[in-house]
Amino acid sequence: MSKLFYIKKALGKNNKKLNIYKFRTMKPGSARREVYSRKKLDKFGKPKNSEMITPMGRFLRKYWLDEIPQIYQVLI
C-alpha cells in the first residue's frame, strides 16, 4: 500500500488532525527536488512531461484519476 498511496497530514474543521490519502504519481522526494517554472506547468497547475512522474502517475493524471481518493474522503 505504501507504493500506491501516500498519506498527507492536514488540519480540518476545529483543528482536527486528518490523514489525506493520495495516489503516488511522482517518485518519492521529487516535490522537494524539482522546482517548476510556469512554462513547465499545464493549465491546471500540474507538472507536464516531468521525469519525476511515474508511468502509472502519468496515466492517473491524464484522466484525473489521481483525484479519486480526495473525492472519496470528501463524500465520507
PDB file of N, CA and C in Angstrom:
ATOM      1  N   MET A   1       0.820  -1.191   0.000  1.00  0.00           N
ATOM      2  CA  MET A   1       0.000   0.000   0.000  1.00  0.00           C
ATOM      3  C   MET A   1       0.864   1.255   0.000  1.00  0.00           C
ATOM      4  N   SER A   2       2.023   1.206   0.595  1.00  0.00           N
ATOM      5  CA  SER A   2       2.870   2.393   0.663  1.00  0.00           C
ATOM      6  C   SER A   2       3.401   2.793  -0.717  1.00  0.00           C
ATOM      7  N   LYS A   3       3.423   1.889  -1.673  1.00  0.00           N
ATOM      8  CA  LYS A   3       3.904   2.227  -3.012  1.00  0.00           C
ATOM      9  C   LYS A   3       2.830   2.933  -3.837  1.00  0.00           C
ATOM     10  N   LEU A   4       1.574   2.582  -3.626  1.00  0.00           N
ATOM     11  CA  LEU A   4       0.487   3.131  -4.420  1.00  0.00           C
ATOM     12  C   LEU A   4      -0.074   4.423  -3.821  1.00  0.00           C
ATOM     13  N   PHE A   5      -0.146   4.499  -2.504  1.00  0.00           N
ATOM     14  CA  PHE A   5      -0.699   5.671  -1.821  1.00  0.00           C
ATOM     15  C   PHE A   5       0.356   6.308  -0.935  1.00  0.00           C
ATOM     16  N   TYR A   6       0.146   7.566  -0.609  1.00  0.00           N
ATOM     17  CA  TYR A   6       0.902   8.190   0.456  1.00  0.00           C
ATOM     18  C   TYR A   6      -0.074   9.001   1.287  1.00  0.00           C
ATOM     19  N   ILE A   7       0.316   9.293   2.514  1.00  0.00           N
ATOM     20  CA  ILE A   7      -0.556   9.990   3.447  1.00  0.00           C
ATOM     21  C   ILE A   7      -0.020  11.389   3.687  1.00  0.00           C
ATOM     22  N   LYS A   8      -0.878  12.359   3.511  1.00  0.00           N
ATOM     23  CA  LYS A   8      -0.532  13.750   3.770  1.00  0.00           C
ATOM     24  C   LYS A   8      -1.275  14.178   5.032  1.00  0.00           C
ATOM     25  N   LYS A   9      -0.579  14.773   5.963  1.00  0.00           N
ATOM     26  CA  LYS A   9      -1.179  15.251   7.205  1.00  0.00           C
ATOM     27  C   LYS A   9      -1.775  16.632   6.970  1.00  0.00           C
ATOM     28  N   ALA A  10      -2.962  16.887   7.535  1.00  0.00           N
ATOM     29  CA  ALA A  10      -3.619  18.179   7.372  1.00  0.00           C
ATOM     30  C   ALA A  10      -4.474  18.471   8.599  1.00  0.00           C
ATOM     31  N   LEU A  11      -4.890  19.714   8.711  1.00  0.00           N
ATOM     32  CA  LEU A  11      -5.806  20.125   9.767  1.00  0.00           C
ATOM     33  C   LEU A  11      -7.175  20.370   9.147  1.00  0.00           C
ATOM     34  N   GLY A  12      -8.197  19.824   9.788  1.00  0.00           N
ATOM     35  CA  GLY A  12      -9.557  20.001   9.307  1.00  0.00           C
ATOM     36  C   GLY A  12     -10.319  20.983  10.166  1.00  0.00           C
ATOM     37  N   LYS A  13     -11.625  20.827  10.162  1.00  0.00           N
ATOM     38  CA  LYS A  13     -12.504  21.699  10.931  1.00  0.00           C
ATOM     39  C   LYS A  13     -12.178  21.588  12.413  1.00  0.00           C
ATOM     40  N   ASN A  14     -12.160  22.703  13.102  1.00  0.00           N
ATOM     41  CA  ASN A  14     -11.829  22.775  14.533  1.00  0.00           C
ATOM     42  C   ASN A  14     -10.435  22.224  14.833  1.00  0.00           C
ATOM     43  N   ASN A  15      -9.522  22.391  13.905  1.00  0.00           N
ATOM     44  CA  ASN A  15      -8.127  21.932  14.035  1.00  0.00           C
ATOM     45  C   ASN A  15      -8.002  20.433  14.290  1.00  0.00           C
ATOM     46  N   LYS A  16      -8.933  19.678  13.778  1.00  0.00           N
ATOM     47  CA  LYS A  16      -8.875  18.215  13.891  1.00  0.00           C
ATOM     48  C   LYS A  16      -7.815  17.694  12.921  1.00  0.00           C
ATOM     49  N   LYS A  17      -6.928  16.836  13.400  1.00  0.00           N
ATOM     50  CA  LYS A  17      -5.881  16.267  12.549  1.00  0.00           C
ATOM     51  C   LYS A  17      -6.482  15.221  11.621  1.00  0.00           C
ATOM     52  N   LEU A  18      -6.120  15.333  10.346  1.00  0.00           N
ATOM     53  CA  LEU A  18      -6.629  14.419   9.330  1.00  0.00           C
ATOM     54  C   LEU A  18      -5.494  13.764   8.572  1.00  0.00           C
ATOM     55  N   ASN A  19      -5.737  12.552   8.114  1.00  0.00           N
ATOM     56  CA  ASN A  19      -4.853  11.892   7.163  1.00  0.00           C
ATOM     57  C   ASN A  19      -5.528  11.967   5.804  1.00  0.00           C
ATOM     58  N   ILE A  20      -4.857  12.560   4.848  1.00  0.00           N
ATOM     59  CA  ILE A  20      -5.387  12.639   3.495  1.00  0.00           C
ATOM     60  C   ILE A  20      -4.631  11.617   2.652  1.00  0.00           C
ATOM     61  N   TYR A  21      -5.359  10.658   2.098  1.00  0.00           N
ATOM     62  CA  TYR A  21      -4.754   9.621   1.278  1.00  0.00           C
ATOM     63  C   TYR A  21      -4.722  10.085  -0.164  1.00  0.00           C
ATOM     64  N   LYS A  22      -3.565   9.938  -0.806  1.00  0.00           N
ATOM     65  CA  LYS A  22      -3.395  10.376  -2.188  1.00  0.00           C
ATOM     66  C   LYS A  22      -2.679   9.280  -2.968  1.00  0.00           C
ATOM     67  N   PHE A  23      -2.969   9.216  -4.275  1.00  0.00           N
ATOM     68  CA  PHE A  23      -2.203   8.323  -5.133  1.00  0.00           C
ATOM     69  C   PHE A  23      -0.799   8.880  -5.281  1.00  0.00           C
ATOM     70  N   ARG A  24       0.178   8.009  -5.288  1.00  0.00           N
ATOM     71  CA  ARG A  24       1.558   8.421  -5.512  1.00  0.00           C
ATOM     72  C   ARG A  24       1.775   8.467  -7.024  1.00  0.00           C
ATOM     73  N   THR A  25       1.813   9.675  -7.576  1.00  0.00           N
ATOM     74  CA  THR A  25       2.004   9.833  -9.015  1.00  0.00           C
ATOM     75  C   THR A  25       3.422  10.293  -9.343  1.00  0.00           C
ATOM     76  N   MET A  26       4.155  10.711  -8.326  1.00  0.00           N
ATOM     77  CA  MET A  26       5.534  11.153  -8.545  1.00  0.00           C
ATOM     78  C   MET A  26       6.472  10.293  -7.700  1.00  0.00           C
ATOM     79  N   LYS A  27       7.705  10.232  -8.102  1.00  0.00           N
ATOM     80  CA  LYS A  27       8.698   9.476  -7.350  1.00  0.00           C
ATOM     81  C   LYS A  27       8.885  10.115  -5.975  1.00  0.00           C
ATOM     82  N   PRO A  28       9.110   9.306  -4.925  1.00  0.00           N
ATOM     83  CA  PRO A  28       9.263   9.849  -3.567  1.00  0.00           C
ATOM     84  C   PRO A  28      10.356  10.917  -3.497  1.00  0.00           C
ATOM     85  N   GLY A  29      10.061  12.029  -2.832  1.00  0.00           N
ATOM     86  CA  GLY A  29      11.016  13.112  -2.648  1.00  0.00           C
ATOM     87  C   GLY A  29      11.142  14.047  -3.822  1.00  0.00           C
ATOM     88  N   SER A  30      10.408  13.813  -4.907  1.00  0.00           N
ATOM     89  CA  SER A  30      10.577  14.621  -6.110  1.00  0.00           C
ATOM     90  C   SER A  30      10.022  16.031  -5.961  1.00  0.00           C
ATOM     91  N   ALA A  31       9.032  16.219  -5.136  1.00  0.00           N
ATOM     92  CA  ALA A  31       8.462  17.564  -4.960  1.00  0.00           C
ATOM     93  C   ALA A  31       9.488  18.517  -4.356  1.00  0.00           C
ATOM     94  N   ARG A  32      10.369  18.000  -3.547  1.00  0.00           N
ATOM     95  CA  ARG A  32      11.406  18.841  -2.950  1.00  0.00           C
ATOM     96  C   ARG A  32      12.563  19.077  -3.908  1.00  0.00           C
ATOM     97  N   ARG A  33      12.789  18.170  -4.850  1.00  0.00           N
ATOM     98  CA  ARG A  33      13.949  18.263  -5.736  1.00  0.00           C
ATOM     99  C   ARG A  33      13.711  19.117  -6.969  1.00  0.00           C
ATOM    100  N   GLU A  34      12.496  19.147  -7.452  1.00  0.00           N
ATOM    101  CA  GLU A  34      12.230  19.812  -8.725  1.00  0.00           C
ATOM    102  C   GLU A  34      11.442  21.098  -8.498  1.00  0.00           C
ATOM    103  N   VAL A  35      11.958  22.198  -8.996  1.00  0.00           N
ATOM    104  CA  VAL A  35      11.275  23.482  -8.917  1.00  0.00           C
ATOM    105  C   VAL A  35      10.655  23.741 -10.280  1.00  0.00           C
ATOM    106  N   TYR A  36       9.376  24.056 -10.269  1.00  0.00           N
ATOM    107  CA  TYR A  36       8.663  24.218 -11.520  1.00  0.00           C
ATOM    108  C   TYR A  36       8.537  25.688 -11.900  1.00  0.00           C
ATOM    109  N   SER A  37       8.820  25.992 -13.145  1.00  0.00           N
ATOM    110  CA  SER A  37       8.527  27.324 -13.654  1.00  0.00           C
ATOM    111  C   SER A  37       7.141  27.255 -14.284  1.00  0.00           C
ATOM    112  N   ARG A  38       6.547  28.388 -14.569  1.00  0.00           N
ATOM    113  CA  ARG A  38       5.213  28.400 -15.160  1.00  0.00           C
ATOM    114  C   ARG A  38       5.179  27.677 -16.503  1.00  0.00           C
ATOM    115  N   LYS A  39       6.289  27.663 -17.219  1.00  0.00           N
ATOM    116  CA  LYS A  39       6.336  27.007 -18.522  1.00  0.00           C
ATOM    117  C   LYS A  39       6.243  25.486 -18.387  1.00  0.00           C
ATOM    118  N   LYS A  40       6.619  24.948 -17.224  1.00  0.00           N
ATOM    119  CA  LYS A  40       6.597  23.505 -17.025  1.00  0.00           C
ATOM    120  C   LYS A  40       5.279  23.009 -16.449  1.00  0.00           C
ATOM    121  N   LEU A  41       4.317  23.914 -16.180  1.00  0.00           N
ATOM    122  CA  LEU A  41       3.031  23.537 -15.618  1.00  0.00           C
ATOM    123  C   LEU A  41       1.945  23.608 -16.678  1.00  0.00           C
ATOM    124  N   ASP A  42       0.983  22.702 -16.603  1.00  0.00           N
ATOM    125  CA  ASP A  42      -0.146  22.782 -17.520  1.00  0.00           C
ATOM    126  C   ASP A  42      -1.146  23.809 -16.996  1.00  0.00           C
ATOM    127  N   LYS A  43      -2.266  23.962 -17.655  1.00  0.00           N
ATOM    128  CA  LYS A  43      -3.223  24.998 -17.268  1.00  0.00           C
ATOM    129  C   LYS A  43      -3.897  24.726 -15.925  1.00  0.00           C
ATOM    130  N   PHE A  44      -3.748  23.508 -15.390  1.00  0.00           N
ATOM    131  CA  PHE A  44      -4.316  23.173 -14.085  1.00  0.00           C
ATOM    132  C   PHE A  44      -3.282  23.213 -12.971  1.00  0.00           C
ATOM    133  N   GLY A  45      -2.058  23.607 -13.303  1.00  0.00           N
ATOM    134  CA  GLY A  45      -1.016  23.730 -12.296  1.00  0.00           C
ATOM    135  C   GLY A  45      -0.273  22.448 -11.999  1.00  0.00           C
ATOM    136  N   LYS A  46      -0.474  21.417 -12.811  1.00  0.00           N
ATOM    137  CA  LYS A  46       0.229  20.152 -12.635  1.00  0.00           C
ATOM    138  C   LYS A  46       1.463  20.137 -13.531  1.00  0.00           C
ATOM    139  N   PRO A  47       2.566  19.542 -13.061  1.00  0.00           N
ATOM    140  CA  PRO A  47       3.764  19.476 -13.909  1.00  0.00           C
ATOM    141  C   PRO A  47       3.507  18.627 -15.150  1.00  0.00           C
ATOM    142  N   LYS A  48       4.032  19.076 -16.280  1.00  0.00           N
ATOM    143  CA  LYS A  48       3.863  18.301 -17.515  1.00  0.00           C
ATOM    144  C   LYS A  48       5.219  17.787 -17.985  1.00  0.00           C
ATOM    145  N   ASN A  49       5.226  16.585 -18.485  1.00  0.00           N
ATOM    146  CA  ASN A  49       6.428  15.968 -19.047  1.00  0.00           C
ATOM    147  C   ASN A  49       7.610  15.981 -18.070  1.00  0.00           C
ATOM    148  N   SER A  50       7.367  15.722 -16.831  1.00  0.00           N
ATOM    149  CA  SER A  50       8.430  15.683 -15.837  1.00  0.00           C
ATOM    150  C   SER A  50       8.969  14.263 -15.721  1.00  0.00           C
ATOM    151  N   GLU A  51      10.272  14.136 -15.596  1.00  0.00           N
ATOM    152  CA  GLU A  51      10.861  12.804 -15.414  1.00  0.00           C
ATOM    153  C   GLU A  51      10.598  12.282 -14.013  1.00  0.00           C
ATOM    154  N   MET A  52      10.060  13.123 -13.133  1.00  0.00           N
ATOM    155  CA  MET A  52       9.748  12.704 -11.772  1.00  0.00           C
ATOM    156  C   MET A  52       8.396  11.997 -11.676  1.00  0.00           C
ATOM    157  N   ILE A  53       7.550  12.122 -12.713  1.00  0.00           N
ATOM    158  CA  ILE A  53       6.245  11.472 -12.710  1.00  0.00           C
ATOM    159  C   ILE A  53       6.416  10.020 -13.133  1.00  0.00           C
ATOM    160  N   THR A  54       5.801   9.107 -12.375  1.00  0.00           N
ATOM    161  CA  THR A  54       5.887   7.681 -12.699  1.00  0.00           C
ATOM    162  C   THR A  54       5.007   7.379 -13.916  1.00  0.00           C
ATOM    163  N   PRO A  55       5.267   6.275 -14.620  1.00  0.00           N
ATOM    164  CA  PRO A  55       4.415   5.929 -15.766  1.00  0.00           C
ATOM    165  C   PRO A  55       2.935   5.772 -15.377  1.00  0.00           C
ATOM    166  N   MET A  56       2.673   5.111 -14.229  1.00  0.00           N
ATOM    167  CA  MET A  56       1.300   4.962 -13.766  1.00  0.00           C
ATOM    168  C   MET A  56       0.738   6.333 -13.370  1.00  0.00           C
ATOM    169  N   GLY A  57       1.578   7.177 -12.781  1.00  0.00           N
ATOM    170  CA  GLY A  57       1.168   8.516 -12.401  1.00  0.00           C
ATOM    171  C   GLY A  57       0.767   9.350 -13.602  1.00  0.00           C
ATOM    172  N   ARG A  58       1.481   9.184 -14.712  1.00  0.00           N
ATOM    173  CA  ARG A  58       1.148   9.911 -15.941  1.00  0.00           C
ATOM    174  C   ARG A  58      -0.260   9.523 -16.418  1.00  0.00           C
ATOM    175  N   PHE A  59      -0.563   8.229 -16.350  1.00  0.00           N
ATOM    176  CA  PHE A  59      -1.897   7.742 -16.731  1.00  0.00           C
ATOM    177  C   PHE A  59      -2.966   8.291 -15.784  1.00  0.00           C
ATOM    178  N   LEU A  60      -2.712   8.201 -14.477  1.00  0.00           N
ATOM    179  CA  LEU A  60      -3.686   8.683 -13.489  1.00  0.00           C
ATOM    180  C   LEU A  60      -3.952  10.176 -13.655  1.00  0.00           C
ATOM    181  N   ARG A  61      -2.909  10.952 -13.904  1.00  0.00           N
ATOM    182  CA  ARG A  61      -3.077  12.395 -14.070  1.00  0.00           C
ATOM    183  C   ARG A  61      -3.780  12.748 -15.374  1.00  0.00           C
ATOM    184  N   LYS A  62      -3.481  11.997 -16.428  1.00  0.00           N
ATOM    185  CA  LYS A  62      -4.089  12.288 -17.731  1.00  0.00           C
ATOM    186  C   LYS A  62      -5.611  12.212 -17.671  1.00  0.00           C
ATOM    187  N   TYR A  63      -6.131  11.217 -16.951  1.00  0.00           N
ATOM    188  CA  TYR A  63      -7.576  11.002 -16.862  1.00  0.00           C
ATOM    189  C   TYR A  63      -8.168  11.478 -15.533  1.00  0.00           C
ATOM    190  N   TRP A  64      -7.413  12.285 -14.770  1.00  0.00           N
ATOM    191  CA  TRP A  64      -7.839  12.866 -13.498  1.00  0.00           C
ATOM    192  C   TRP A  64      -8.224  11.800 -12.465  1.00  0.00           C
ATOM    193  N   LEU A  65      -7.708  10.605 -12.609  1.00  0.00           N
ATOM    194  CA  LEU A  65      -7.990   9.550 -11.642  1.00  0.00           C
ATOM    195  C   LEU A  65      -7.234   9.757 -10.331  1.00  0.00           C
ATOM    196  N   ASP A  66      -6.217  10.604 -10.355  1.00  0.00           N
ATOM    197  CA  ASP A  66      -5.454  10.864  -9.136  1.00  0.00           C
ATOM    198  C   ASP A  66      -6.270  11.658  -8.114  1.00  0.00           C
ATOM    199  N   GLU A  67      -7.430  12.176  -8.514  1.00  0.00           N
ATOM    200  CA  GLU A  67      -8.282  12.933  -7.600  1.00  0.00           C
ATOM    201  C   GLU A  67      -9.319  12.066  -6.891  1.00  0.00           C
ATOM    202  N   ILE A  68      -9.443  10.812  -7.264  1.00  0.00           N
ATOM    203  CA  ILE A  68     -10.463   9.932  -6.681  1.00  0.00           C
ATOM    204  C   ILE A  68     -10.341   9.796  -5.163  1.00  0.00           C
ATOM    205  N   PRO A  69      -9.158   9.576  -4.582  1.00  0.00           N
ATOM    206  CA  PRO A  69      -9.098   9.453  -3.110  1.00  0.00           C
ATOM    207  C   PRO A  69      -9.601  10.703  -2.387  1.00  0.00           C
ATOM    208  N   GLN A  70      -9.313  11.892  -2.905  1.00  0.00           N
ATOM    209  CA  GLN A  70      -9.775  13.116  -2.271  1.00  0.00           C
ATOM    210  C   GLN A  70     -11.296  13.243  -2.361  1.00  0.00           C
ATOM    211  N   ILE A  71     -11.870  12.904  -3.507  1.00  0.00           N
ATOM    212  CA  ILE A  71     -13.329  12.960  -3.677  1.00  0.00           C
ATOM    213  C   ILE A  71     -14.003  11.991  -2.708  1.00  0.00           C
ATOM    214  N   TYR A  72     -13.447  10.798  -2.593  1.00  0.00           N
ATOM    215  CA  TYR A  72     -13.989   9.790  -1.679  1.00  0.00           C
ATOM    216  C   TYR A  72     -13.978  10.299  -0.237  1.00  0.00           C
ATOM    217  N   GLN A  73     -12.877  10.911   0.162  1.00  0.00           N
ATOM    218  CA  GLN A  73     -12.780  11.416   1.537  1.00  0.00           C
ATOM    219  C   GLN A  73     -13.759  12.556   1.799  1.00  0.00           C
ATOM    220  N   VAL A  74     -14.000  13.403   0.818  1.00  0.00           N
ATOM    221  CA  VAL A  74     -14.959  14.493   0.983  1.00  0.00           C
ATOM    222  C   VAL A  74     -16.362  13.925   1.142  1.00  0.00           C
ATOM    223  N   LEU A  75     -16.696  12.929   0.358  1.00  0.00           N
ATOM    224  CA  LEU A  75     -18.046  12.334   0.432  1.00  0.00           C
ATOM    225  C   LEU A  75     -18.285  11.618   1.768  1.00  0.00           C
ATOM    226  N   ILE A  76     -17.231  11.050   2.331  1.00  0.00           N
ATOM    227  CA  ILE A  76     -17.375  10.373   3.642  1.00  0.00           C
ATOM    228  C   ILE A  76     -17.489  11.415   4.720  1.00  0.00           C
TER     229      ILE A  76
END
